[in-house]
Amino acid sequence: MAYSDFTLSKFKKSFSIHIDEETDLCADIEPLQPSEKLINSLEETAELALAINTEKARSEMIITPILLEVRRRANYPISLFLGTDFNVDVEKGLNGCCDFIISRAKEQLTINVPVVVIIEAKNENIKGGLGQCAATMLAA
């Protein structure tokens, strides 16, 4: 079993977790304006990435520039991992490849806590990926 094998129902049952859909954890967070560099990059690549319509194109042309912007804004003391194995507890199914991981450590050789994981929606189906996302968040 791996992160991608979880449905949201299977995740909730396996880990006895209740999902709170009412609380907005981001309500008090002020949005940041993107830099000119990010705006220019996305203006150049987003339309092409959507036309190519593959996970790889979206990853390289849309998501990676945003992650690099996050890294710049953090003054570089974070590390980025793309398409990396994140095996925390194989017996519980908390293992597999993660699309994107941000670690609050400069070290780029290994993943160090704390981490943020980003899961790309599969086949443009956000609900279908919630189980994988929840399992990966629990592992993080």
Protein backbone atom coordinates (compact mmCIF):
# COMPACT_ATOMS: atom_id res chain seq x y z
CA MET A 1 0.00 0.00 0.00
CA ALA A 2 1.16 3.55 -0.68
CA TYR A 3 -0.14 7.13 -0.35
CA SER A 4 -1.78 6.88 -3.77
CA ASP A 5 -3.78 3.80 -2.69
CA PHE A 6 -5.78 5.76 -0.11
CA THR A 7 -9.26 7.07 -0.77
CA LEU A 8 -10.50 9.62 1.74
CA SER A 9 -12.86 7.03 3.26
CA LYS A 10 -10.09 4.45 3.56
CA PHE A 11 -7.78 7.05 5.16
CA LYS A 12 -10.38 8.14 7.73
CA LYS A 13 -11.13 4.52 8.66
CA SER A 14 -7.47 3.41 8.79
CA PHE A 15 -6.36 6.24 11.08
CA SER A 16 -9.64 7.05 12.92
CA ILE A 17 -9.48 10.62 11.70
CA HIS A 18 -12.38 13.09 11.57
CA ILE A 19 -12.27 15.66 8.78
CA ASP A 20 -13.35 19.18 9.82
CA GLU A 21 -14.72 20.92 6.74
CA GLU A 22 -15.92 23.99 8.65
CA THR A 23 -12.72 25.52 10.02
CA ASP A 24 -10.85 27.83 7.66
CA LEU A 25 -7.21 27.54 8.71
CA CYS A 26 -6.17 30.27 6.27
CA ALA A 27 -8.80 32.87 7.18
CA ASP A 28 -6.32 35.25 8.84
CA ILE A 29 -3.51 34.91 6.31
CA GLU A 30 -2.95 37.88 4.04
CA PRO A 31 -2.33 36.97 0.39
CA LEU A 32 1.04 37.89 -1.08
CA GLN A 33 1.45 39.54 -4.44
CA PRO A 34 3.57 37.53 -6.87
CA SER A 35 6.86 39.01 -8.00
CA GLU A 36 7.30 40.37 -11.51
CA LYS A 37 9.62 37.44 -12.18
CA LEU A 38 6.89 34.93 -11.34
CA ILE A 39 4.23 36.83 -13.27
CA ASN A 40 6.45 36.97 -16.36
CA SER A 41 7.34 33.29 -16.07
CA LEU A 42 3.72 32.18 -15.76
CA GLU A 43 2.59 34.48 -18.57
CA GLU A 44 5.13 32.78 -20.81
CA THR A 45 4.54 29.17 -19.77
CA ALA A 46 1.08 28.59 -18.24
CA GLU A 47 -0.89 28.55 -21.48
CA LEU A 48 1.63 26.22 -23.10
CA ALA A 49 1.62 23.88 -20.08
CA LEU A 50 -2.16 23.65 -20.18
CA ALA A 51 -2.11 23.04 -23.94
CA ILE A 52 0.46 20.24 -23.56
CA ASN A 53 -1.81 18.89 -20.80
CA THR A 54 0.59 16.50 -19.07
CA GLU A 55 1.55 16.29 -15.41
CA LYS A 56 5.19 16.85 -16.36
CA ALA A 57 4.39 20.05 -18.30
CA ARG A 58 2.27 21.46 -15.47
CA SER A 59 4.95 20.52 -12.96
CA GLU A 60 7.85 22.10 -14.81
CA MET A 61 6.10 25.14 -16.29
CA ILE A 62 3.63 26.15 -13.57
CA ILE A 63 4.35 24.57 -10.19
CA THR A 64 8.16 24.72 -10.17
CA PRO A 65 8.28 28.51 -10.82
CA ILE A 66 5.86 29.00 -7.90
CA LEU A 67 8.02 26.84 -5.61
CA LEU A 68 11.10 28.81 -6.64
CA GLU A 69 9.23 32.00 -5.73
CA VAL A 70 8.48 30.53 -2.28
CA ARG A 71 12.16 29.71 -1.90
CA ARG A 72 13.22 33.25 -2.89
CA ARG A 73 10.73 34.82 -0.48
CA ALA A 74 12.06 32.61 2.32
CA ASN A 75 15.58 33.88 1.53
CA TYR A 76 16.59 30.34 0.50
CA PRO A 77 16.73 28.45 3.85
CA ILE A 78 14.38 25.78 2.48
CA SER A 79 14.94 22.77 0.29
CA LEU A 80 12.74 21.47 -2.51
CA PHE A 81 12.22 17.86 -3.52
CA LEU A 82 10.34 16.91 -6.68
CA GLY A 83 9.21 13.37 -7.42
CA THR A 84 11.00 12.02 -4.35
CA ASP A 85 10.27 8.92 -2.27
CA PHE A 86 8.91 9.84 1.16
CA ASN A 87 8.75 6.57 3.08
CA VAL A 88 7.67 7.15 6.67
CA ASP A 89 5.86 3.94 7.76
CA VAL A 90 5.47 1.23 5.12
CA GLU A 91 3.32 -0.99 7.39
CA LYS A 92 0.70 1.78 7.63
CA GLY A 93 0.88 2.63 3.93
CA LEU A 94 2.65 5.92 4.59
CA ASN A 95 5.11 5.52 1.79
CA GLY A 96 5.51 6.38 -1.84
CA CYS A 97 6.62 9.07 -4.19
CA CYS A 98 5.60 12.68 -3.47
CA ASP A 99 5.07 15.18 -6.23
CA PHE A 100 6.58 18.07 -4.25
CA ILE A 101 8.09 18.43 -0.78
CA ILE A 102 9.28 21.64 0.85
CA SER A 103 11.58 21.19 3.84
CA ARG A 104 12.46 23.93 6.33
CA ALA A 105 16.13 22.98 6.09
CA LYS A 106 18.80 24.13 3.65
CA GLU A 107 20.12 20.61 3.23
CA GLN A 108 19.19 19.28 -0.19
CA LEU A 109 20.56 15.74 0.30
CA THR A 110 17.86 14.38 2.63
CA ILE A 111 14.35 15.39 3.62
CA ASN A 112 14.29 16.96 7.09
CA VAL A 113 11.32 17.96 9.23
CA PRO A 114 9.28 20.04 9.20
CA VAL A 115 7.96 19.47 5.70
CA VAL A 116 5.10 20.63 3.54
CA VAL A 117 3.86 18.25 0.86
CA ILE A 118 2.09 19.25 -2.32
CA ILE A 119 0.03 16.66 -4.16
CA GLU A 120 -1.00 17.27 -7.74
CA ALA A 121 -4.62 16.43 -8.54
CA LYS A 122 -4.78 13.26 -10.60
CA ASN A 123 -6.70 13.50 -13.87
CA GLU A 124 -7.91 16.95 -12.79
CA ASN A 125 -9.95 15.26 -10.03
CA ILE A 126 -9.25 17.02 -6.74
CA LYS A 127 -11.65 14.88 -4.67
CA GLY A 128 -10.07 11.71 -6.06
CA GLY A 129 -6.68 12.77 -4.69
CA LEU A 130 -7.81 13.75 -1.19
CA GLY A 131 -7.02 10.34 0.31
CA GLN A 132 -3.48 10.47 -1.05
CA CYS A 133 -3.12 14.05 0.14
CA ALA A 134 -4.41 13.25 3.65
CA ALA A 135 -2.14 10.21 4.03
CA THR A 136 0.88 12.22 2.90
CA MET A 137 -0.01 15.06 5.28
CA LEU A 138 -0.24 12.59 8.17
CA ALA A 139 3.18 11.20 7.27
CA ALA A 140 4.65 14.69 7.12
